[in-house]
């Protein structure tokens, strides 16, 4: 956690004389790129191609209304496709992790962290 905080501080230039605390920054202030998304009808093979471009470590699966319903990472491909043999022509929904915790760009970083931690602890 300490290393992630240091990376975040470096990315958003929080070090120096005008440091802004995390509780006053919005997610939009620190987000560098838009989320990479695909539809729920995207195949595992197509999703793997998107993730392999290196633009994002995670791919979010969205429903018809554009709401995130799940996510896949390279770990999901390794565990579920390679190790378990799920066919690459199946929909990506077969291997996605769901549900996802989502936040708005206007949410404070601190609130987003609390929301994600709460979701992690609720699954334990």
C-alpha atoms as a PDB file:
ATOM      1  CA  UNK A   1       0.000   0.000   0.000  1.00  0.00           C
ATOM      2  CA  UNK A   2       2.816   2.409   0.802  1.00  0.00           C
ATOM      3  CA  UNK A   3       4.393   1.918  -2.624  1.00  0.00           C
ATOM      4  CA  UNK A   4       1.045   2.511  -4.365  1.00  0.00           C
ATOM      5  CA  UNK A   5       0.544   5.714  -2.413  1.00  0.00           C
ATOM      6  CA  UNK A   6       4.036   6.897  -3.337  1.00  0.00           C
ATOM      7  CA  UNK A   7       3.388   6.103  -7.016  1.00  0.00           C
ATOM      8  CA  UNK A   8       0.096   8.007  -6.892  1.00  0.00           C
ATOM      9  CA  UNK A   9       1.775  10.972  -5.227  1.00  0.00           C
ATOM     10  CA  UNK A  10       4.455  11.002  -7.914  1.00  0.00           C
ATOM     11  CA  UNK A  11       1.968  10.630 -10.779  1.00  0.00           C
ATOM     12  CA  UNK A  12      -0.172  13.558  -9.723  1.00  0.00           C
ATOM     13  CA  UNK A  13       2.789  15.659  -8.599  1.00  0.00           C
ATOM     14  CA  UNK A  14       1.691  15.838  -4.973  1.00  0.00           C
ATOM     15  CA  UNK A  15       5.177  16.275  -3.615  1.00  0.00           C
ATOM     16  CA  UNK A  16       6.515  19.740  -3.028  1.00  0.00           C
ATOM     17  CA  UNK A  17       5.394  22.939  -1.398  1.00  0.00           C
ATOM     18  CA  UNK A  18       1.783  22.774  -2.605  1.00  0.00           C
ATOM     19  CA  UNK A  19       0.935  19.154  -1.788  1.00  0.00           C
ATOM     20  CA  UNK A  20      -2.780  18.390  -1.984  1.00  0.00           C
ATOM     21  CA  UNK A  21      -4.044  15.725   0.404  1.00  0.00           C
ATOM     22  CA  UNK A  22      -5.801  12.720  -1.129  1.00  0.00           C
ATOM     23  CA  UNK A  23      -9.015  13.631   0.641  1.00  0.00           C
ATOM     24  CA  UNK A  24      -9.325  16.809  -1.444  1.00  0.00           C
ATOM     25  CA  UNK A  25      -8.571  15.366  -4.908  1.00  0.00           C
ATOM     26  CA  UNK A  26     -11.216  13.894  -7.182  1.00  0.00           C
ATOM     27  CA  UNK A  27     -10.759  10.692  -9.154  1.00  0.00           C
ATOM     28  CA  UNK A  28     -10.834  12.856 -12.281  1.00  0.00           C
ATOM     29  CA  UNK A  29      -7.838  14.814 -10.943  1.00  0.00           C
ATOM     30  CA  UNK A  30      -5.656  11.696 -10.849  1.00  0.00           C
ATOM     31  CA  UNK A  31      -7.061   9.534 -13.672  1.00  0.00           C
ATOM     32  CA  UNK A  32      -4.721   9.595 -16.650  1.00  0.00           C
ATOM     33  CA  UNK A  33      -6.874   7.732 -19.180  1.00  0.00           C
ATOM     34  CA  UNK A  34     -10.450   6.663 -19.729  1.00  0.00           C
ATOM     35  CA  UNK A  35     -11.327   3.100 -18.813  1.00  0.00           C
ATOM     36  CA  UNK A  36     -10.918   0.545 -21.593  1.00  0.00           C
ATOM     37  CA  UNK A  37     -14.271  -1.150 -22.187  1.00  0.00           C
ATOM     38  CA  UNK A  38     -15.928  -3.806 -24.323  1.00  0.00           C
ATOM     39  CA  UNK A  39     -19.466  -5.097 -24.660  1.00  0.00           C
ATOM     40  CA  UNK A  40     -20.767  -8.238 -23.013  1.00  0.00           C
ATOM     41  CA  UNK A  41     -20.904  -9.927 -26.445  1.00  0.00           C
ATOM     42  CA  UNK A  42     -17.142  -9.524 -27.022  1.00  0.00           C
ATOM     43  CA  UNK A  43     -15.370 -12.877 -27.292  1.00  0.00           C
ATOM     44  CA  UNK A  44     -12.553 -13.879 -24.969  1.00  0.00           C
ATOM     45  CA  UNK A  45     -10.158 -13.824 -27.948  1.00  0.00           C
ATOM     46  CA  UNK A  46     -11.158 -10.236 -28.870  1.00  0.00           C
ATOM     47  CA  UNK A  47     -10.838  -9.136 -25.238  1.00  0.00           C
ATOM     48  CA  UNK A  48      -7.385 -10.739 -24.976  1.00  0.00           C
ATOM     49  CA  UNK A  49      -6.259  -8.776 -28.034  1.00  0.00           C
ATOM     50  CA  UNK A  50      -7.372  -5.515 -26.420  1.00  0.00           C
ATOM     51  CA  UNK A  51      -5.601  -6.282 -23.133  1.00  0.00           C
ATOM     52  CA  UNK A  52      -2.452  -7.417 -24.974  1.00  0.00           C
ATOM     53  CA  UNK A  53      -2.025  -3.982 -26.567  1.00  0.00           C
ATOM     54  CA  UNK A  54      -0.728  -2.798 -23.198  1.00  0.00           C
ATOM     55  CA  UNK A  55      -2.995   0.247 -23.094  1.00  0.00           C
ATOM     56  CA  UNK A  56      -4.628  -1.036 -19.928  1.00  0.00           C
ATOM     57  CA  UNK A  57      -4.085  -3.866 -17.439  1.00  0.00           C
ATOM     58  CA  UNK A  58      -7.835  -4.299 -17.064  1.00  0.00           C
ATOM     59  CA  UNK A  59     -10.734  -4.396 -19.480  1.00  0.00           C
ATOM     60  CA  UNK A  60     -14.174  -3.482 -18.197  1.00  0.00           C
ATOM     61  CA  UNK A  61     -17.222  -5.212 -19.602  1.00  0.00           C
ATOM     62  CA  UNK A  62     -20.236  -2.918 -19.971  1.00  0.00           C
ATOM     63  CA  UNK A  63     -23.906  -3.661 -20.525  1.00  0.00           C
ATOM     64  CA  UNK A  64     -26.126  -2.049 -23.164  1.00  0.00           C
ATOM     65  CA  UNK A  65     -26.550   1.008 -20.940  1.00  0.00           C
ATOM     66  CA  UNK A  66     -22.781   1.477 -20.591  1.00  0.00           C
ATOM     67  CA  UNK A  67     -22.653   0.351 -16.944  1.00  0.00           C
ATOM     68  CA  UNK A  68     -19.674  -1.756 -15.875  1.00  0.00           C
ATOM     69  CA  UNK A  69     -20.814  -5.289 -15.063  1.00  0.00           C
ATOM     70  CA  UNK A  70     -17.412  -6.969 -14.772  1.00  0.00           C
ATOM     71  CA  UNK A  71     -13.703  -6.788 -15.480  1.00  0.00           C
ATOM     72  CA  UNK A  72     -10.976  -9.034 -16.880  1.00  0.00           C
ATOM     73  CA  UNK A  73      -7.224  -8.877 -16.425  1.00  0.00           C
ATOM     74  CA  UNK A  74      -4.311 -10.911 -17.719  1.00  0.00           C
ATOM     75  CA  UNK A  75      -4.682 -13.039 -14.589  1.00  0.00           C
ATOM     76  CA  UNK A  76      -8.233 -13.986 -15.597  1.00  0.00           C
ATOM     77  CA  UNK A  77      -6.953 -15.094 -19.004  1.00  0.00           C
ATOM     78  CA  UNK A  78      -4.187 -17.169 -17.397  1.00  0.00           C
ATOM     79  CA  UNK A  79      -6.369 -18.812 -14.727  1.00  0.00           C
ATOM     80  CA  UNK A  80      -9.612 -19.313 -16.604  1.00  0.00           C
ATOM     81  CA  UNK A  81      -8.640 -19.683 -20.246  1.00  0.00           C
ATOM     82  CA  UNK A  82      -5.191 -21.234 -20.166  1.00  0.00           C
ATOM     83  CA  UNK A  83      -5.384 -23.246 -16.919  1.00  0.00           C
ATOM     84  CA  UNK A  84      -9.074 -24.189 -16.999  1.00  0.00           C
ATOM     85  CA  UNK A  85      -9.479 -24.434 -20.780  1.00  0.00           C
ATOM     86  CA  UNK A  86     -12.362 -22.030 -21.354  1.00  0.00           C
ATOM     87  CA  UNK A  87     -12.751 -21.676 -25.132  1.00  0.00           C
ATOM     88  CA  UNK A  88     -11.557 -18.378 -26.609  1.00  0.00           C
ATOM     89  CA  UNK A  89     -14.680 -18.051 -28.760  1.00  0.00           C
ATOM     90  CA  UNK A  90     -16.901 -17.815 -25.657  1.00  0.00           C
ATOM     91  CA  UNK A  91     -18.203 -14.417 -24.466  1.00  0.00           C
ATOM     92  CA  UNK A  92     -15.842 -12.571 -22.154  1.00  0.00           C
ATOM     93  CA  UNK A  93     -18.592 -12.644 -19.526  1.00  0.00           C
ATOM     94  CA  UNK A  94     -17.633 -16.309 -18.957  1.00  0.00           C
ATOM     95  CA  UNK A  95     -14.321 -15.273 -17.378  1.00  0.00           C
ATOM     96  CA  UNK A  96     -14.997 -11.788 -16.007  1.00  0.00           C
ATOM     97  CA  UNK A  97     -14.785 -10.915 -12.345  1.00  0.00           C
ATOM     98  CA  UNK A  98     -18.064  -9.488 -11.121  1.00  0.00           C
ATOM     99  CA  UNK A  99     -19.438  -7.387  -9.649  1.00  0.00           C
ATOM    100  CA  UNK A 100     -17.138  -4.407 -10.004  1.00  0.00           C
ATOM    101  CA  UNK A 101     -16.788  -1.428  -7.716  1.00  0.00           C
ATOM    102  CA  UNK A 102     -17.265   1.718  -9.734  1.00  0.00           C
ATOM    103  CA  UNK A 103     -16.765   5.360  -8.916  1.00  0.00           C
ATOM    104  CA  UNK A 104     -17.484   8.615 -10.695  1.00  0.00           C
ATOM    105  CA  UNK A 105     -14.755  11.009 -11.796  1.00  0.00           C
ATOM    106  CA  UNK A 106     -16.206  13.583  -9.404  1.00  0.00           C
ATOM    107  CA  UNK A 107     -15.824  11.255  -6.378  1.00  0.00           C
ATOM    108  CA  UNK A 108     -12.973  12.056  -4.033  1.00  0.00           C
ATOM    109  CA  UNK A 109      -9.967   9.700  -4.195  1.00  0.00           C
ATOM    110  CA  UNK A 110     -10.317   9.032  -0.483  1.00  0.00           C
ATOM    111  CA  UNK A 111     -13.982   8.026  -0.935  1.00  0.00           C
ATOM    112  CA  UNK A 112     -13.029   5.741  -3.840  1.00  0.00           C
ATOM    113  CA  UNK A 113     -10.334   4.049  -1.734  1.00  0.00           C
ATOM    114  CA  UNK A 114     -12.771   3.502   1.140  1.00  0.00           C
ATOM    115  CA  UNK A 115     -15.371   2.077  -1.269  1.00  0.00           C
ATOM    116  CA  UNK A 116     -12.854  -0.357  -2.797  1.00  0.00           C
ATOM    117  CA  UNK A 117     -11.502  -1.444   0.590  1.00  0.00           C
ATOM    118  CA  UNK A 118     -15.022  -2.039   1.867  1.00  0.00           C
ATOM    119  CA  UNK A 119     -15.728  -4.264  -1.125  1.00  0.00           C
ATOM    120  CA  UNK A 120     -12.518  -6.236  -0.518  1.00  0.00           C
ATOM    121  CA  UNK A 121     -13.291  -6.783   3.157  1.00  0.00           C
ATOM    122  CA  UNK A 122     -16.897  -7.763   2.420  1.00  0.00           C
ATOM    123  CA  UNK A 123     -15.624 -10.635   0.238  1.00  0.00           C
ATOM    124  CA  UNK A 124     -13.370 -12.077   2.941  1.00  0.00           C
END
